Amino acid sequence: MVYQDSIGRKVFMVLNTTAMVLTCLAVLFPLWMAVMTSLAPDKQVIYREFVLWPESFNFKTYELVFKSGYMRGFMNSFTTTTIGTIASMILTLFAGYALAQKDLVFRKFFMSFFFLTMVFANGIIPFYMVVRMVGLINKMAAIVIPILIQTYNLILMKNYMTSIPESLIESARLDGCSEIGILFRIVIPVSIPIIAAVTLFYAVHYWNQYTNVVMFINDQAKYTLQVLLRQLVFDNASMQTGQNRVYSNFKMTVMVVAMLPVLIMYPFIQRYFISGIMLGSIKG
C-alpha cells in the first residue's frame, strides 16, 4: 500500500536534502580549491592564495614534490603507517578475541585496566621520559610502539567478536579446532566489517601523526610528511619576495599528496565501514 506524503514530511525532506547538499559542498569545496590551486601556474597564484579554475594545468609542482625531500617524508609516513597498522591490527585482533571470551580469567580486570587508559591520559612530559628511558628517541619505532593499541579500537573489536554466536565457536571446538584455528578460520572471516573499519582508523591515525614525530625525532631525514608540510606552511610564511617565495600552488600540491592515500583507501572499505562501527558499538 502506498501512502501519500504529508506536507510536513515533504518539508522535512526538502530541508534534509538542502542540509545534506550544503554539507557536501562545505566538505568538497576546500578539496576542490586545493586540487585546482595545486594545478595552477605560478603567475596565477602570485597575488592569490587559491583559485577555482587554473588558467592552464601545471604539473611542475608535482614533479618538484616527487624530486625533492618531500618524497622522503612521504616514504617515511608510508612506512610507519604500513608497519604500524599491520602490527596494531595483529595485537588488536588477538586482544579483542581474548577479551570476547566470557571464561577468560580476570576479564573484567583487563577491561577496567584498558578503560582507565581512556579516562586518564598520559602527560606529555611523563610520556617523553618513558620513551627516552627505553631508548627510542630519534628512532622510527618511537612513532609506532607507543600507540600500537588504541583502547577505543580494541573495544570495537571485542564487542563485535562478542556478537558472534557462541554455538559457532563451540561447534568448532568440538570438532577439535584450536583457539588459533578458530580465530583465523571462523572469527576473522566473519569479522571483516569491523576489521576494515579499525584498519582505517589505525591507518589514518598513523598517517596523520605529528606530535610524536616532533617530540621524539631529531633527524630531519626521518621526518614524516605531516611535519614537512607544517614547516612548509608556517616556517616559510615570511618568504614573500623573489625566488624565496613559496607559492600556494606548491603548498597545495604537498597537501594533496598527503591526502591521497586516505582518499584512495576509503572507497575500497566504505561498504564495511558503517556496518562494522554500528555492530561494534552496540553490544558490549
C-alpha atoms as a PDB file:
ATOM      1  CA  MET A   1       0.000   0.000   0.000  1.00  0.00           C
ATOM      2  CA  VAL A   2       1.353   3.433  -0.952  1.00  0.00           C
ATOM      3  CA  TYR A   3       0.785   6.311   1.449  1.00  0.00           C
ATOM      4  CA  GLN A   4       0.703   9.892   0.245  1.00  0.00           C
ATOM      5  CA  ASP A   5       3.394  12.010   1.845  1.00  0.00           C
ATOM      6  CA  SER A   6       2.122  14.681   4.198  1.00  0.00           C
ATOM      7  CA  ILE A   7       3.105  18.326   3.835  1.00  0.00           C
ATOM      8  CA  GLY A   8       5.240  18.061   6.961  1.00  0.00           C
ATOM      9  CA  ARG A   9       7.210  15.134   5.557  1.00  0.00           C
ATOM     10  CA  LYS A  10       7.738  16.918   2.238  1.00  0.00           C
ATOM     11  CA  VAL A  11       9.060  19.973   4.068  1.00  0.00           C
ATOM     12  CA  PHE A  12      11.332  17.736   6.131  1.00  0.00           C
ATOM     13  CA  MET A  13      12.691  16.005   3.023  1.00  0.00           C
ATOM     14  CA  VAL A  14      13.381  19.352   1.329  1.00  0.00           C
ATOM     15  CA  LEU A  15      15.167  20.720   4.401  1.00  0.00           C
ATOM     16  CA  ASN A  16      17.061  17.479   4.903  1.00  0.00           C
ATOM     17  CA  THR A  17      18.190  17.359   1.271  1.00  0.00           C
ATOM     18  CA  THR A  18      19.215  21.014   1.379  1.00  0.00           C
ATOM     19  CA  ALA A  19      21.234  20.455   4.552  1.00  0.00           C
ATOM     20  CA  MET A  20      22.992  17.427   3.045  1.00  0.00           C
ATOM     21  CA  VAL A  21      23.820  19.301  -0.163  1.00  0.00           C
ATOM     22  CA  LEU A  22      25.238  22.240   1.800  1.00  0.00           C
ATOM     23  CA  THR A  23      27.265  19.866   3.972  1.00  0.00           C
ATOM     24  CA  CYS A  24      28.698  18.116   0.917  1.00  0.00           C
ATOM     25  CA  LEU A  25      29.590  21.459  -0.646  1.00  0.00           C
ATOM     26  CA  ALA A  26      31.260  22.603   2.576  1.00  0.00           C
ATOM     27  CA  VAL A  27      33.393  19.445   2.546  1.00  0.00           C
ATOM     28  CA  LEU A  28      34.138  19.252  -1.178  1.00  0.00           C
ATOM     29  CA  PHE A  29      34.727  22.951  -1.867  1.00  0.00           C
ATOM     30  CA  PRO A  30      38.024  23.212   0.089  1.00  0.00           C
ATOM     31  CA  LEU A  31      39.218  19.975  -1.520  1.00  0.00           C
ATOM     32  CA  TRP A  32      38.333  21.304  -4.969  1.00  0.00           C
ATOM     33  CA  MET A  33      40.185  24.560  -4.307  1.00  0.00           C
ATOM     34  CA  ALA A  34      43.253  22.668  -3.056  1.00  0.00           C
ATOM     35  CA  VAL A  35      43.404  20.461  -6.160  1.00  0.00           C
ATOM     36  CA  MET A  36      42.782  23.322  -8.596  1.00  0.00           C
ATOM     37  CA  THR A  37      45.333  25.561  -6.872  1.00  0.00           C
ATOM     38  CA  SER A  38      47.929  22.786  -6.981  1.00  0.00           C
ATOM     39  CA  LEU A  39      47.451  22.594 -10.757  1.00  0.00           C
ATOM     40  CA  ALA A  40      47.574  26.365 -11.322  1.00  0.00           C
ATOM     41  CA  PRO A  41      50.656  28.059 -12.834  1.00  0.00           C
ATOM     42  CA  ASP A  42      52.857  30.292 -10.675  1.00  0.00           C
ATOM     43  CA  LYS A  43      51.766  33.506 -12.373  1.00  0.00           C
ATOM     44  CA  GLN A  44      48.139  32.879 -11.362  1.00  0.00           C
ATOM     45  CA  VAL A  45      48.892  32.372  -7.658  1.00  0.00           C
ATOM     46  CA  ILE A  46      51.347  35.249  -7.191  1.00  0.00           C
ATOM     47  CA  TYR A  47      48.614  37.530  -5.852  1.00  0.00           C
ATOM     48  CA  ARG A  48      46.051  34.873  -4.895  1.00  0.00           C
ATOM     49  CA  GLU A  49      46.237  32.077  -2.377  1.00  0.00           C
ATOM     50  CA  PHE A  50      43.535  29.954  -4.028  1.00  0.00           C
ATOM     51  CA  VAL A  51      41.955  29.597  -7.458  1.00  0.00           C
ATOM     52  CA  LEU A  52      38.716  27.963  -8.538  1.00  0.00           C
ATOM     53  CA  TRP A  53      39.965  27.018 -12.003  1.00  0.00           C
ATOM     54  CA  PRO A  54      43.530  27.219 -13.345  1.00  0.00           C
ATOM     55  CA  GLU A  55      44.320  29.218 -16.473  1.00  0.00           C
ATOM     56  CA  SER A  56      46.378  26.233 -17.611  1.00  0.00           C
ATOM     57  CA  PHE A  57      47.138  22.929 -15.954  1.00  0.00           C
ATOM     58  CA  ASN A  58      50.613  22.868 -14.454  1.00  0.00           C
ATOM     59  CA  PHE A  59      52.124  19.617 -13.147  1.00  0.00           C
ATOM     60  CA  LYS A  60      55.578  21.038 -12.420  1.00  0.00           C
ATOM     61  CA  THR A  61      54.800  21.366  -8.725  1.00  0.00           C
ATOM     62  CA  TYR A  62      54.025  17.640  -8.537  1.00  0.00           C
ATOM     63  CA  GLU A  63      57.301  16.862 -10.291  1.00  0.00           C
ATOM     64  CA  LEU A  64      59.102  19.105  -7.798  1.00  0.00           C
ATOM     65  CA  VAL A  65      57.487  17.364  -4.831  1.00  0.00           C
ATOM     66  CA  PHE A  66      58.447  13.897  -6.034  1.00  0.00           C
ATOM     67  CA  LYS A  67      62.009  15.008  -6.804  1.00  0.00           C
ATOM     68  CA  SER A  68      62.541  16.917  -3.548  1.00  0.00           C
ATOM     69  CA  GLY A  69      62.902  15.898   0.086  1.00  0.00           C
ATOM     70  CA  TYR A  70      59.140  15.727   0.461  1.00  0.00           C
ATOM     71  CA  MET A  71      59.166  12.335  -1.220  1.00  0.00           C
ATOM     72  CA  ARG A  72      61.391  11.051   1.580  1.00  0.00           C
ATOM     73  CA  GLY A  73      58.839  12.340   4.078  1.00  0.00           C
ATOM     74  CA  PHE A  74      56.108  10.597   2.095  1.00  0.00           C
ATOM     75  CA  MET A  75      58.011   7.307   2.251  1.00  0.00           C
ATOM     76  CA  ASN A  76      58.618   7.750   5.993  1.00  0.00           C
ATOM     77  CA  SER A  77      54.894   8.267   6.536  1.00  0.00           C
ATOM     78  CA  PHE A  78      54.042   5.331   4.277  1.00  0.00           C
ATOM     79  CA  THR A  79      56.491   3.019   6.071  1.00  0.00           C
ATOM     80  CA  THR A  80      55.358   3.900   9.591  1.00  0.00           C
ATOM     81  CA  THR A  81      51.700   3.714   8.555  1.00  0.00           C
ATOM     82  CA  THR A  82      52.083   0.301   6.921  1.00  0.00           C
ATOM     83  CA  ILE A  83      54.149  -1.287   9.693  1.00  0.00           C
ATOM     84  CA  GLY A  84      52.150   0.359  12.464  1.00  0.00           C
ATOM     85  CA  THR A  85      48.753  -0.569  11.024  1.00  0.00           C
ATOM     86  CA  ILE A  86      49.727  -4.214  10.491  1.00  0.00           C
ATOM     87  CA  ALA A  87      51.228  -4.527  13.989  1.00  0.00           C
ATOM     88  CA  SER A  88      48.272  -2.748  15.610  1.00  0.00           C
ATOM     89  CA  MET A  89      45.734  -4.929  13.810  1.00  0.00           C
ATOM     90  CA  ILE A  90      47.520  -8.141  14.845  1.00  0.00           C
ATOM     91  CA  LEU A  91      47.585  -7.091  18.510  1.00  0.00           C
ATOM     92  CA  THR A  92      44.018  -5.754  18.418  1.00  0.00           C
ATOM     93  CA  LEU A  93      42.708  -8.963  16.834  1.00  0.00           C
ATOM     94  CA  PHE A  94      44.361 -11.204  19.418  1.00  0.00           C
ATOM     95  CA  ALA A  95      43.429  -8.968  22.362  1.00  0.00           C
ATOM     96  CA  GLY A  96      39.863  -8.483  21.127  1.00  0.00           C
ATOM     97  CA  TYR A  97      39.335 -12.216  20.675  1.00  0.00           C
ATOM     98  CA  ALA A  98      40.739 -12.951  24.138  1.00  0.00           C
ATOM     99  CA  LEU A  99      38.561 -10.325  25.832  1.00  0.00           C
ATOM    100  CA  ALA A 100      35.500 -11.608  23.966  1.00  0.00           C
ATOM    101  CA  GLN A 101      35.802 -14.959  25.791  1.00  0.00           C
ATOM    102  CA  LYS A 102      33.493 -14.903  28.807  1.00  0.00           C
ATOM    103  CA  ASP A 103      35.543 -17.543  30.617  1.00  0.00           C
ATOM    104  CA  LEU A 104      38.771 -15.514  30.418  1.00  0.00           C
ATOM    105  CA  VAL A 105      40.408 -15.227  33.839  1.00  0.00           C
ATOM    106  CA  PHE A 106      40.470 -11.619  35.133  1.00  0.00           C
ATOM    107  CA  ARG A 107      38.446 -10.500  32.122  1.00  0.00           C
ATOM    108  CA  LYS A 108      36.764  -7.646  33.991  1.00  0.00           C
ATOM    109  CA  PHE A 109      40.097  -6.516  35.428  1.00  0.00           C
ATOM    110  CA  PHE A 110      41.658  -6.316  31.981  1.00  0.00           C
ATOM    111  CA  MET A 111      38.688  -4.390  30.603  1.00  0.00           C
ATOM    112  CA  SER A 112      38.822  -1.943  33.513  1.00  0.00           C
ATOM    113  CA  PHE A 113      42.565  -1.538  33.008  1.00  0.00           C
ATOM    114  CA  PHE A 114      42.142  -0.697  29.327  1.00  0.00           C
ATOM    115  CA  PHE A 115      39.247   1.633  30.085  1.00  0.00           C
ATOM    116  CA  LEU A 116      41.334   3.614  32.575  1.00  0.00           C
ATOM    117  CA  THR A 117      43.777   4.482  29.801  1.00  0.00           C
ATOM    118  CA  MET A 118      40.926   6.277  28.023  1.00  0.00           C
ATOM    119  CA  VAL A 119      39.869   8.247  31.096  1.00  0.00           C
ATOM    120  CA  PHE A 120      43.310   9.208  32.406  1.00  0.00           C
ATOM    121  CA  ALA A 121      45.510  10.274  29.513  1.00  0.00           C
ATOM    122  CA  ASN A 122      49.259  10.387  29.985  1.00  0.00           C
ATOM    123  CA  GLY A 123      51.009  13.737  30.209  1.00  0.00           C
ATOM    124  CA  ILE A 124      53.486  14.878  27.599  1.00  0.00           C
ATOM    125  CA  ILE A 125      56.489  15.045  29.947  1.00  0.00           C
ATOM    126  CA  PRO A 126      55.986  11.566  31.524  1.00  0.00           C
ATOM    127  CA  PHE A 127      55.333  10.187  28.043  1.00  0.00           C
ATOM    128  CA  TYR A 128      58.583  11.658  26.745  1.00  0.00           C
ATOM    129  CA  MET A 129      60.557  10.406  29.762  1.00  0.00           C
ATOM    130  CA  VAL A 130      59.292   6.836  29.318  1.00  0.00           C
ATOM    131  CA  VAL A 131      60.146   6.822  25.615  1.00  0.00           C
ATOM    132  CA  ARG A 132      63.585   8.213  26.423  1.00  0.00           C
ATOM    133  CA  MET A 133      64.209   5.607  29.154  1.00  0.00           C
ATOM    134  CA  VAL A 134      63.560   2.727  26.751  1.00  0.00           C
ATOM    135  CA  GLY A 135      65.945   4.244  24.194  1.00  0.00           C
ATOM    136  CA  LEU A 136      63.520   5.104  21.403  1.00  0.00           C
ATOM    137  CA  ILE A 137      64.439   8.761  20.945  1.00  0.00           C
ATOM    138  CA  ASN A 138      65.244   9.586  17.309  1.00  0.00           C
ATOM    139  CA  LYS A 139      64.116   6.130  16.199  1.00  0.00           C
ATOM    140  CA  MET A 140      61.162   5.441  13.910  1.00  0.00           C
ATOM    141  CA  ALA A 141      59.933   2.878  16.440  1.00  0.00           C
ATOM    142  CA  ALA A 142      59.034   5.801  18.725  1.00  0.00           C
ATOM    143  CA  ILE A 143      56.307   6.730  16.254  1.00  0.00           C
ATOM    144  CA  VAL A 144      54.796   3.239  16.205  1.00  0.00           C
ATOM    145  CA  ILE A 145      55.308   1.394  19.505  1.00  0.00           C
ATOM    146  CA  PRO A 146      53.691   3.887  21.957  1.00  0.00           C
ATOM    147  CA  ILE A 147      50.366   3.773  20.083  1.00  0.00           C
ATOM    148  CA  LEU A 148      50.235   0.143  18.967  1.00  0.00           C
ATOM    149  CA  ILE A 149      46.834  -0.399  20.611  1.00  0.00           C
ATOM    150  CA  GLN A 150      44.104   2.205  20.955  1.00  0.00           C
ATOM    151  CA  THR A 151      41.509   1.328  23.561  1.00  0.00           C
ATOM    152  CA  TYR A 152      38.570   2.572  21.506  1.00  0.00           C
ATOM    153  CA  ASN A 153      39.503   0.324  18.588  1.00  0.00           C
ATOM    154  CA  LEU A 154      40.071  -2.597  20.952  1.00  0.00           C
ATOM    155  CA  ILE A 155      36.606  -2.163  22.464  1.00  0.00           C
ATOM    156  CA  LEU A 156      35.029  -2.048  18.997  1.00  0.00           C
ATOM    157  CA  MET A 157      36.822  -5.266  18.048  1.00  0.00           C
ATOM    158  CA  LYS A 158      35.933  -7.006  21.307  1.00  0.00           C
ATOM    159  CA  ASN A 159      32.251  -6.011  21.098  1.00  0.00           C
ATOM    160  CA  TYR A 160      31.958  -7.239  17.524  1.00  0.00           C
ATOM    161  CA  MET A 161      33.553 -10.591  18.368  1.00  0.00           C
ATOM    162  CA  THR A 162      31.254 -10.913  21.370  1.00  0.00           C
ATOM    163  CA  SER A 163      28.281 -10.736  18.986  1.00  0.00           C
ATOM    164  CA  ILE A 164      29.457 -13.857  17.110  1.00  0.00           C
ATOM    165  CA  PRO A 165      27.169 -16.798  18.094  1.00  0.00           C
ATOM    166  CA  GLU A 166      28.758 -18.968  20.779  1.00  0.00           C
ATOM    167  CA  SER A 167      27.323 -22.066  19.104  1.00  0.00           C
ATOM    168  CA  LEU A 168      29.585 -21.417  16.120  1.00  0.00           C
ATOM    169  CA  ILE A 169      32.662 -21.291  18.342  1.00  0.00           C
ATOM    170  CA  GLU A 170      31.631 -24.315  20.421  1.00  0.00           C
ATOM    171  CA  SER A 171      30.976 -26.468  17.369  1.00  0.00           C
ATOM    172  CA  ALA A 172      34.480 -25.690  16.120  1.00  0.00           C
ATOM    173  CA  ARG A 173      35.945 -26.670  19.488  1.00  0.00           C
ATOM    174  CA  LEU A 174      34.010 -29.940  19.472  1.00  0.00           C
ATOM    175  CA  ASP A 175      35.496 -30.675  16.054  1.00  0.00           C
ATOM    176  CA  GLY A 176      38.960 -30.322  17.581  1.00  0.00           C
ATOM    177  CA  CYS A 177      39.837 -26.886  16.243  1.00  0.00           C
ATOM    178  CA  SER A 178      42.394 -24.963  18.294  1.00  0.00           C
ATOM    179  CA  GLU A 179      41.843 -21.403  19.502  1.00  0.00           C
ATOM    180  CA  ILE A 180      44.239 -20.096  16.849  1.00  0.00           C
ATOM    181  CA  GLY A 181      42.357 -22.089  14.215  1.00  0.00           C
ATOM    182  CA  ILE A 182      39.031 -20.704  15.436  1.00  0.00           C
ATOM    183  CA  LEU A 183      40.391 -17.170  15.267  1.00  0.00           C
ATOM    184  CA  PHE A 184      41.777 -17.456  11.736  1.00  0.00           C
ATOM    185  CA  ARG A 185      39.200 -19.811  10.190  1.00  0.00           C
ATOM    186  CA  ILE A 186      35.977 -18.590  11.795  1.00  0.00           C
ATOM    187  CA  VAL A 187      36.244 -15.340  13.730  1.00  0.00           C
ATOM    188  CA  ILE A 188      38.327 -13.290  11.295  1.00  0.00           C
ATOM    189  CA  PRO A 189      36.313 -14.236   8.148  1.00  0.00           C
ATOM    190  CA  VAL A 190      33.046 -13.156   9.812  1.00  0.00           C
ATOM    191  CA  SER A 191      34.639 -10.007  11.281  1.00  0.00           C
ATOM    192  CA  ILE A 192      35.674  -8.382   8.005  1.00  0.00           C
ATOM    193  CA  PRO A 193      33.455  -5.267   8.532  1.00  0.00           C
ATOM    194  CA  ILE A 194      34.975  -4.340  11.891  1.00  0.00           C
ATOM    195  CA  ILE A 195      38.478  -5.264  10.702  1.00  0.00           C
ATOM    196  CA  ALA A 196      38.103  -2.897   7.743  1.00  0.00           C
ATOM    197  CA  ALA A 197      36.809  -0.073   9.947  1.00  0.00           C
ATOM    198  CA  VAL A 198      39.510  -0.459  12.605  1.00  0.00           C
ATOM    199  CA  THR A 199      42.200  -0.752   9.928  1.00  0.00           C
ATOM    200  CA  LEU A 200      41.088   2.594   8.520  1.00  0.00           C
ATOM    201  CA  PHE A 201      41.160   4.166  11.992  1.00  0.00           C
ATOM    202  CA  TYR A 202      44.686   2.944  12.646  1.00  0.00           C
ATOM    203  CA  ALA A 203      45.959   3.881   9.190  1.00  0.00           C
ATOM    204  CA  VAL A 204      44.586   7.424   9.369  1.00  0.00           C
ATOM    205  CA  HIS A 205      45.978   7.867  12.883  1.00  0.00           C
ATOM    206  CA  TYR A 206      49.466   6.732  11.887  1.00  0.00           C
ATOM    207  CA  TRP A 207      49.408   8.732   8.666  1.00  0.00           C
ATOM    208  CA  ASN A 208      48.408  11.967  10.423  1.00  0.00           C
ATOM    209  CA  GLN A 209      50.935  11.691  13.251  1.00  0.00           C
ATOM    210  CA  TYR A 210      52.592  14.966  14.043  1.00  0.00           C
ATOM    211  CA  THR A 211      53.102  15.472  17.793  1.00  0.00           C
ATOM    212  CA  ASN A 212      55.003  12.237  18.406  1.00  0.00           C
ATOM    213  CA  VAL A 213      57.290  12.893  15.448  1.00  0.00           C
ATOM    214  CA  VAL A 214      58.141  16.386  16.690  1.00  0.00           C
ATOM    215  CA  MET A 215      58.768  15.142  20.244  1.00  0.00           C
ATOM    216  CA  PHE A 216      60.810  12.024  19.537  1.00  0.00           C
ATOM    217  CA  ILE A 217      62.526  12.521  16.156  1.00  0.00           C
ATOM    218  CA  ASN A 218      65.517  14.864  15.866  1.00  0.00           C
ATOM    219  CA  ASP A 219      66.856  13.815  12.471  1.00  0.00           C
ATOM    220  CA  GLN A 220      65.097  15.701   9.674  1.00  0.00           C
ATOM    221  CA  ALA A 221      65.740  12.780   7.322  1.00  0.00           C
ATOM    222  CA  LYS A 222      63.266  10.795   9.452  1.00  0.00           C
ATOM    223  CA  TYR A 223      60.529  13.432   9.463  1.00  0.00           C
ATOM    224  CA  THR A 224      57.135  12.364   8.176  1.00  0.00           C
ATOM    225  CA  LEU A 225      55.187  14.222   5.521  1.00  0.00           C
ATOM    226  CA  GLN A 226      52.947  15.951   8.068  1.00  0.00           C
ATOM    227  CA  VAL A 227      55.919  17.598   9.791  1.00  0.00           C
ATOM    228  CA  LEU A 228      57.390  18.711   6.477  1.00  0.00           C
ATOM    229  CA  LEU A 229      54.012  20.123   5.471  1.00  0.00           C
ATOM    230  CA  ARG A 230      53.886  22.134   8.674  1.00  0.00           C
ATOM    231  CA  GLN A 231      57.362  23.520   8.019  1.00  0.00           C
ATOM    232  CA  LEU A 232      56.347  24.462   4.502  1.00  0.00           C
ATOM    233  CA  VAL A 233      53.218  26.329   5.577  1.00  0.00           C
ATOM    234  CA  PHE A 234      54.489  28.094   8.700  1.00  0.00           C
ATOM    235  CA  ASP A 235      58.265  28.344   8.572  1.00  0.00           C
ATOM    236  CA  ASN A 236      58.223  29.805   5.066  1.00  0.00           C
ATOM    237  CA  ALA A 237      55.319  32.169   5.672  1.00  0.00           C
ATOM    238  CA  SER A 238      57.675  35.181   5.778  1.00  0.00           C
ATOM    239  CA  MET A 239      59.230  34.424   2.382  1.00  0.00           C
ATOM    240  CA  GLN A 240      57.143  36.678   0.185  1.00  0.00           C
ATOM    241  CA  THR A 241      59.554  38.101  -2.373  1.00  0.00           C
ATOM    242  CA  GLY A 242      61.814  36.900  -5.182  1.00  0.00           C
ATOM    243  CA  GLN A 243      62.792  33.279  -5.661  1.00  0.00           C
ATOM    244  CA  ASN A 244      62.401  32.528  -1.963  1.00  0.00           C
ATOM    245  CA  ARG A 245      58.645  32.750  -2.071  1.00  0.00           C
ATOM    246  CA  VAL A 246      56.754  29.503  -1.592  1.00  0.00           C
ATOM    247  CA  TYR A 247      53.707  29.810  -3.814  1.00  0.00           C
ATOM    248  CA  SER A 248      50.354  28.463  -2.707  1.00  0.00           C
ATOM    249  CA  ASN A 249      50.228  26.007  -5.616  1.00  0.00           C
ATOM    250  CA  PHE A 250      53.267  24.201  -4.201  1.00  0.00           C
ATOM    251  CA  LYS A 251      51.738  24.191  -0.712  1.00  0.00           C
ATOM    252  CA  MET A 252      48.504  22.752  -2.051  1.00  0.00           C
ATOM    253  CA  THR A 253      50.424  20.126  -4.031  1.00  0.00           C
ATOM    254  CA  VAL A 254      52.099  18.833  -0.875  1.00  0.00           C
ATOM    255  CA  MET A 255      48.733  18.821   0.901  1.00  0.00           C
ATOM    256  CA  VAL A 256      47.043  16.896  -1.934  1.00  0.00           C
ATOM    257  CA  VAL A 257      49.846  14.319  -1.933  1.00  0.00           C
ATOM    258  CA  ALA A 258      49.406  13.965   1.839  1.00  0.00           C
ATOM    259  CA  MET A 259      45.669  13.324   1.425  1.00  0.00           C
ATOM    260  CA  LEU A 260      45.886  10.870  -1.468  1.00  0.00           C
ATOM    261  CA  PRO A 261      46.489   7.605   0.465  1.00  0.00           C
ATOM    262  CA  VAL A 262      43.423   8.084   2.675  1.00  0.00           C
ATOM    263  CA  LEU A 263      41.269   9.176  -0.270  1.00  0.00           C
ATOM    264  CA  ILE A 264      42.365   6.107  -2.228  1.00  0.00           C
ATOM    265  CA  MET A 265      41.860   3.699   0.674  1.00  0.00           C
ATOM    266  CA  TYR A 266      38.408   4.792   1.835  1.00  0.00           C
ATOM    267  CA  PRO A 267      36.306   3.818  -1.243  1.00  0.00           C
ATOM    268  CA  PHE A 268      37.536   0.215  -1.021  1.00  0.00           C
ATOM    269  CA  ILE A 269      36.376  -0.264   2.579  1.00  0.00           C
ATOM    270  CA  GLN A 270      33.400   2.102   2.599  1.00  0.00           C
ATOM    271  CA  ARG A 271      30.844  -0.711   2.364  1.00  0.00           C
ATOM    272  CA  TYR A 272      32.239  -2.286   5.541  1.00  0.00           C
ATOM    273  CA  PHE A 273      32.716   0.941   7.451  1.00  0.00           C
ATOM    274  CA  ILE A 274      29.214   1.757   8.731  1.00  0.00           C
ATOM    275  CA  SER A 275      28.196  -1.845   9.482  1.00  0.00           C
ATOM    276  CA  GLY A 276      31.447  -2.502  11.320  1.00  0.00           C
ATOM    277  CA  ILE A 277      31.150   0.571  13.518  1.00  0.00           C
ATOM    278  CA  MET A 278      27.462   0.000  14.313  1.00  0.00           C
ATOM    279  CA  LEU A 279      27.839  -3.670  15.209  1.00  0.00           C
ATOM    280  CA  GLY A 280      30.988  -2.985  17.195  1.00  0.00           C
ATOM    281  CA  SER A 281      29.359  -0.216  19.213  1.00  0.00           C
ATOM    282  CA  ILE A 282      26.028  -1.814  20.122  1.00  0.00           C
ATOM    283  CA  LYS A 283      26.914  -4.897  22.090  1.00  0.00           C
ATOM    284  CA  GLY A 284      29.369  -4.994  24.972  1.00  0.00           C
END
